[in-house]
Amino acid sequence: MVFTRANETLGANWSLHDLRHAAAHRMVDDSKLNLTDIQWVLGHAQITTTQIYTEPRDEDVIERMRAHYDAPARAVEPPKAPKAPTEGYRQLFWKDLEDHHPGINSLQLNQQTVTAWKERLQTIRHTRGRVGKPRMRLEPILLAVRAFYLDIAQWAAHEPARWGPWVAPSPVPSTATQIGKERKGQIARMHQRTRTLEPGRAVVLDTETTALYGRTVEIAVIDAVTGKKLLDTLVNPGDAEISDGSRWVHGITDEMVADLSEPGVSPPA
C-alpha cells in the first residue's frame, strides 16, 4: 500500500485518520470555505463536531507567538490631537478656538474662553462684509461637543496612555438649559413610540461602570411608558477602582461606593 510505504520511507506512523484531521484543519484555515461546507465534506451529522477544528492547534499558536516576538518593535508615537466628530462641528468648535486663540493645544478651556466661544456660536458668520444672522438651533452643536469630550473620557479609560492627556471637563455641562430641552424631547418621542404599552410592561435599564469594560457601580431602572424612576442605586464594585475617565463621565467616586457592606446592590435608602 502506498501509504504504508510512505510511512516506512519517512519513518512516520501516520494513519488515514491523521490525514483526515490535517485536511479538516486546512479547510478551516481556507477563507473561501465556510463551516457548513466543511461539515458536508467531512460527513459530520452535527455542526458542533466540525467546530472542534476551529480550536487553535498548539503548533499554530506557537508559530504566531514566534512571529509576533520576532517582528521589530514599533516606536511609540506621542498622542495626536483628537478630531471633532465631523468637519462641520470641527469648524464651529476647534477651528474657531484656533482662530481666536492661536497656539491652543489643550482641550482644558477656562471659563472666559468657553463663554466667548458660546457667544460667537450664537451667530452664523459669513465672509467679510456680510452681516451674520442669529443661529436658530444650538442644541446639535452643543450636544456634539459634549459627546466629543465624553467619548475621549471613555477612550482614556480603555487606553489611558493614548487618550489620557486629552481628558478635560466638557465646556457644555449636562445641566445646560437647551440640552435639557433636547433630552426632554427625546424622552417624549420615546414615550410616543411606546404609548400603546401598559405601565410596568417595559423598562429602560441604565448602568454606569468603573471603566469602559469594568464593573457596575450604578443601576437605574425607568418605566419606559410613564418615565417613573423605579430604581436608582449604587453598586459596590468590590476591589475594582473607578478609573479617572469614567469618573469624568458619571461623577461617581470610590468613596461613594466604599461604605457599602459587600459587593452587590446597595439597600434602598
Protein backbone atom coordinates (compact mmCIF):
# COMPACT_ATOMS: atom_id res chain seq x y z
CA MET A 1 0.00 0.00 0.00
CA VAL A 2 1.32 3.44 -0.97
CA PHE A 3 0.52 4.93 2.42
CA THR A 4 2.40 2.14 4.24
CA ARG A 5 5.47 2.56 2.02
CA ALA A 6 5.42 6.33 2.61
CA ASN A 7 5.40 5.78 6.39
CA GLU A 8 8.31 3.34 6.12
CA THR A 9 10.32 5.73 3.96
CA LEU A 10 9.75 8.72 6.25
CA GLY A 11 9.98 6.77 9.49
CA ALA A 12 6.50 8.00 10.41
CA ASN A 13 3.47 6.34 11.90
CA TRP A 14 0.63 8.34 10.31
CA SER A 15 -2.84 6.94 9.78
CA LEU A 16 -5.60 7.80 7.35
CA HIS A 17 -7.41 9.40 10.28
CA ASP A 18 -4.39 11.71 10.76
CA LEU A 19 -4.70 12.80 7.14
CA ARG A 20 -8.42 13.46 7.65
CA HIS A 21 -7.63 15.70 10.64
CA ALA A 22 -4.95 17.56 8.66
CA ALA A 23 -7.36 18.09 5.75
CA ALA A 24 -10.05 19.37 8.13
CA HIS A 25 -7.69 21.94 9.67
CA ARG A 26 -6.53 23.12 6.24
CA MET A 27 -10.13 23.58 5.09
CA VAL A 28 -10.96 25.55 8.24
CA ASP A 29 -7.98 27.84 7.53
CA ASP A 30 -9.24 28.48 3.99
CA SER A 31 -11.27 31.72 4.00
CA LYS A 32 -13.11 30.63 0.85
CA LEU A 33 -14.84 27.77 2.67
CA ASN A 34 -17.50 28.16 5.32
CA LEU A 35 -18.11 25.77 8.18
CA THR A 36 -21.21 24.17 6.65
CA ASP A 37 -19.22 23.31 3.50
CA ILE A 38 -16.58 21.59 5.63
CA GLN A 39 -19.29 19.76 7.61
CA TRP A 40 -20.66 18.36 4.35
CA VAL A 41 -17.20 17.24 3.12
CA LEU A 42 -16.38 15.53 6.41
CA GLY A 43 -19.83 13.97 6.70
CA HIS A 44 -20.49 15.25 10.21
CA ALA A 45 -24.09 14.94 11.42
CA GLN A 46 -23.71 17.91 13.79
CA ILE A 47 -22.02 21.26 13.09
CA THR A 48 -20.63 21.18 16.64
CA THR A 49 -18.41 18.28 15.62
CA THR A 50 -16.94 20.34 12.78
CA GLN A 51 -16.42 23.29 15.13
CA ILE A 52 -13.82 21.24 17.01
CA TYR A 53 -11.40 22.01 14.18
CA THR A 54 -11.75 25.76 14.73
CA GLU A 55 -9.87 25.44 18.03
CA PRO A 56 -6.28 26.65 17.53
CA ARG A 57 -3.61 23.95 17.45
CA ASP A 58 -0.60 24.21 19.76
CA GLU A 59 1.83 24.44 16.85
CA ASP A 60 -0.18 27.23 15.22
CA VAL A 61 -0.25 29.30 18.43
CA ILE A 62 3.48 28.78 18.95
CA GLU A 63 4.20 29.86 15.37
CA ARG A 64 2.11 33.04 15.71
CA MET A 65 3.78 33.91 19.01
CA ARG A 66 7.22 33.46 17.43
CA ALA A 67 6.24 35.71 14.54
CA HIS A 68 4.92 38.31 16.98
CA TYR A 69 8.10 38.45 19.06
CA ASP A 70 10.39 38.23 16.04
CA ALA A 71 8.75 41.27 14.45
CA PRO A 72 10.61 44.57 15.06
CA ALA A 73 9.05 46.64 17.83
CA ARG A 74 7.12 49.68 16.63
CA ALA A 75 8.13 53.03 18.03
CA VAL A 76 5.56 54.51 20.38
CA GLU A 77 4.20 57.70 18.86
CA PRO A 78 3.09 60.60 21.03
CA PRO A 79 -0.70 61.04 21.13
CA LYS A 80 -2.13 63.18 18.38
CA ALA A 81 -4.78 65.78 18.94
CA PRO A 82 -8.20 64.11 18.53
CA LYS A 83 -10.50 65.45 15.86
CA ALA A 84 -14.01 66.69 16.40
CA PRO A 85 -16.85 64.35 15.29
CA THR A 86 -17.48 65.93 11.90
CA GLU A 87 -15.92 68.56 9.69
CA GLY A 88 -18.80 70.98 10.34
CA TYR A 89 -18.51 70.76 14.10
CA ARG A 90 -14.72 70.93 13.87
CA GLN A 91 -15.06 74.29 12.12
CA LEU A 92 -17.53 75.54 14.71
CA PHE A 93 -15.54 74.38 17.74
CA TRP A 94 -11.84 73.62 17.45
CA LYS A 95 -11.14 75.70 14.33
CA ASP A 96 -12.96 78.61 15.98
CA LEU A 97 -10.78 78.25 19.09
CA GLU A 98 -7.62 78.09 16.99
CA ASP A 99 -8.63 81.26 15.14
CA HIS A 100 -9.24 83.21 18.34
CA HIS A 101 -6.55 81.59 20.50
CA PRO A 102 -3.51 80.88 18.27
CA GLY A 103 -1.29 78.14 19.66
CA ILE A 104 -4.02 76.47 21.74
CA ASN A 105 -3.05 72.84 22.31
CA SER A 106 -5.33 71.59 25.08
CA LEU A 107 -9.00 70.75 25.47
CA GLN A 108 -8.86 72.18 29.01
CA LEU A 109 -10.66 75.51 28.49
CA ASN A 110 -11.07 78.28 31.04
CA GLN A 111 -14.47 79.86 31.64
CA GLN A 112 -13.62 83.06 29.75
CA THR A 113 -12.70 81.07 26.63
CA VAL A 114 -15.86 78.95 26.88
CA THR A 115 -18.12 81.98 27.34
CA ALA A 116 -16.60 83.79 24.36
CA TRP A 117 -16.95 80.68 22.17
CA LYS A 118 -20.65 80.27 23.07
CA GLU A 119 -21.29 83.94 22.29
CA ARG A 120 -19.71 83.58 18.84
CA LEU A 121 -21.77 80.44 18.30
CA GLN A 122 -24.97 82.46 18.63
CA THR A 123 -24.39 83.98 15.18
CA ILE A 124 -23.87 82.36 11.80
CA ARG A 125 -20.80 84.09 10.47
CA HIS A 126 -20.31 84.77 6.78
CA THR A 127 -17.40 86.12 4.78
CA ARG A 128 -16.13 89.64 5.38
CA GLY A 129 -18.55 92.38 4.51
CA ARG A 130 -21.64 90.26 5.15
CA VAL A 131 -23.64 90.55 8.35
CA GLY A 132 -24.24 87.27 10.17
CA LYS A 133 -27.67 86.14 11.26
CA PRO A 134 -28.75 84.52 14.54
CA ARG A 135 -28.26 80.76 14.73
CA MET A 136 -31.64 79.15 15.31
CA ARG A 137 -30.50 75.79 16.72
CA LEU A 138 -27.53 75.45 19.04
CA GLU A 139 -28.52 72.10 20.55
CA PRO A 140 -26.95 69.78 17.93
CA ILE A 141 -23.62 71.63 18.11
CA LEU A 142 -23.53 71.70 21.92
CA LEU A 143 -24.55 68.05 22.13
CA ALA A 144 -21.86 67.03 19.64
CA VAL A 145 -19.14 68.91 21.55
CA ARG A 146 -20.24 67.41 24.87
CA ALA A 147 -20.35 63.92 23.33
CA PHE A 148 -16.85 64.53 21.94
CA TYR A 149 -15.48 65.22 25.44
CA LEU A 150 -17.32 62.24 26.96
CA ASP A 151 -16.02 59.95 24.21
CA ILE A 152 -12.45 60.96 24.99
CA ALA A 153 -13.03 60.22 28.68
CA GLN A 154 -14.31 56.76 27.80
CA TRP A 155 -11.41 56.11 25.41
CA ALA A 156 -8.98 57.17 28.13
CA ALA A 157 -10.50 54.61 30.48
CA HIS A 158 -9.64 51.93 27.92
CA GLU A 159 -6.36 53.39 26.59
CA PRO A 160 -5.03 55.80 29.24
CA ALA A 161 -1.60 56.24 27.65
CA ARG A 162 -3.06 57.39 24.35
CA TRP A 163 -6.11 59.41 25.38
CA GLY A 164 -5.40 60.33 29.00
CA PRO A 165 -3.57 63.59 28.12
CA TRP A 166 -6.70 64.84 26.32
CA VAL A 167 -9.25 64.23 29.08
CA ALA A 168 -10.80 67.50 30.26
CA PRO A 169 -14.09 68.78 31.68
CA SER A 170 -16.68 69.36 28.97
CA PRO A 171 -17.38 73.05 28.21
CA VAL A 172 -21.03 72.01 27.79
CA PRO A 173 -22.43 70.81 31.15
CA SER A 174 -25.28 68.33 31.35
CA THR A 175 -27.34 70.99 33.11
CA ALA A 176 -27.31 73.29 30.08
CA THR A 177 -30.89 74.50 29.55
CA GLN A 178 -31.12 73.85 25.84
CA ILE A 179 -29.61 70.38 26.14
CA GLY A 180 -32.14 69.63 28.87
CA LYS A 181 -34.94 70.57 26.47
CA GLU A 182 -33.44 68.39 23.76
CA ARG A 183 -33.22 65.46 26.18
CA LYS A 184 -36.83 66.00 27.24
CA GLY A 185 -37.81 65.96 23.59
CA GLN A 186 -36.03 62.65 23.08
CA ILE A 187 -37.81 61.16 26.09
CA ALA A 188 -41.13 62.50 24.80
CA ARG A 189 -40.54 60.83 21.44
CA MET A 190 -39.63 57.59 23.19
CA HIS A 191 -42.87 57.79 25.18
CA GLN A 192 -44.76 58.40 21.95
CA ARG A 193 -43.33 55.22 20.41
CA THR A 194 -44.28 53.17 23.46
CA ARG A 195 -47.64 54.80 24.19
CA THR A 196 -49.52 51.59 23.39
CA LEU A 197 -47.72 49.72 26.18
CA GLU A 198 -49.12 49.49 29.68
CA PRO A 199 -47.09 51.00 32.55
CA GLY A 200 -44.71 48.49 34.04
CA ARG A 201 -44.61 46.29 30.93
CA ALA A 202 -41.36 47.76 29.60
CA VAL A 203 -38.43 49.43 31.34
CA VAL A 204 -35.22 51.21 30.39
CA LEU A 205 -32.11 49.91 32.16
CA ASP A 206 -29.15 52.24 32.53
CA THR A 207 -25.84 51.41 34.21
CA GLU A 208 -22.54 53.13 34.99
CA THR A 209 -19.26 51.23 35.30
CA THR A 210 -15.76 51.52 36.77
CA ALA A 211 -14.22 51.58 33.27
CA LEU A 212 -15.16 51.04 29.64
CA TYR A 213 -15.45 47.28 30.22
CA GLY A 214 -15.45 47.44 34.01
CA ARG A 215 -17.78 46.52 36.83
CA THR A 216 -21.13 48.15 37.51
CA VAL A 217 -21.24 50.99 40.06
CA GLU A 218 -24.78 52.29 39.48
CA ILE A 219 -28.06 50.83 38.24
CA ALA A 220 -31.13 52.81 37.23
CA VAL A 221 -34.44 51.37 36.03
CA ILE A 222 -37.06 53.65 34.44
CA ASP A 223 -40.59 52.79 33.35
CA ALA A 224 -40.49 53.14 29.54
CA VAL A 225 -44.08 54.42 29.39
CA THR A 226 -44.50 56.75 32.38
CA GLY A 227 -40.88 57.80 32.80
CA LYS A 228 -41.12 56.99 36.52
CA LYS A 229 -37.82 56.06 38.13
CA LEU A 230 -38.26 52.57 39.59
CA LEU A 231 -34.73 52.10 40.90
CA ASP A 232 -31.60 54.22 41.18
CA THR A 233 -28.92 52.73 43.38
CA LEU A 234 -25.16 52.50 43.71
CA VAL A 235 -23.37 49.17 43.41
CA ASN A 236 -20.25 48.08 45.27
CA PRO A 237 -17.72 47.01 42.58
CA GLY A 238 -15.64 45.06 45.10
CA ASP A 239 -11.89 45.58 44.64
CA ALA A 240 -12.25 47.35 41.28
CA GLU A 241 -11.31 51.05 41.33
CA ILE A 242 -13.21 53.66 39.33
CA SER A 243 -11.00 55.00 36.53
CA ASP A 244 -10.39 58.71 36.04
CA GLY A 245 -12.09 58.64 32.64
CA SER A 246 -15.25 57.01 33.98
CA ARG A 247 -15.34 59.39 36.93
CA TRP A 248 -15.38 62.30 34.45
CA VAL A 249 -18.42 60.73 32.77
CA HIS A 250 -20.71 59.77 35.66
CA GLY A 251 -19.23 61.61 38.65
CA ILE A 252 -19.24 58.56 40.93
CA THR A 253 -16.14 58.23 43.15
CA ASP A 254 -14.62 55.29 45.02
CA GLU A 255 -15.62 56.92 48.30
CA MET A 256 -19.30 56.98 47.30
CA VAL A 257 -19.40 53.17 46.98
CA ALA A 258 -16.81 52.28 49.63
CA ASP A 259 -19.33 52.28 52.50
CA LEU A 260 -21.50 49.54 51.01
CA SER A 261 -21.20 46.46 53.19
CA GLU A 262 -20.41 43.99 50.42
CA PRO A 263 -20.25 43.71 46.64
CA GLY A 264 -23.69 43.97 45.15
CA VAL A 265 -26.59 46.38 45.03
CA SER A 266 -26.82 48.79 47.95
CA PRO A 267 -30.03 48.62 50.01
CA PRO A 268 -32.71 51.26 49.26
CA ALA A 269 -32.43 54.48 51.26
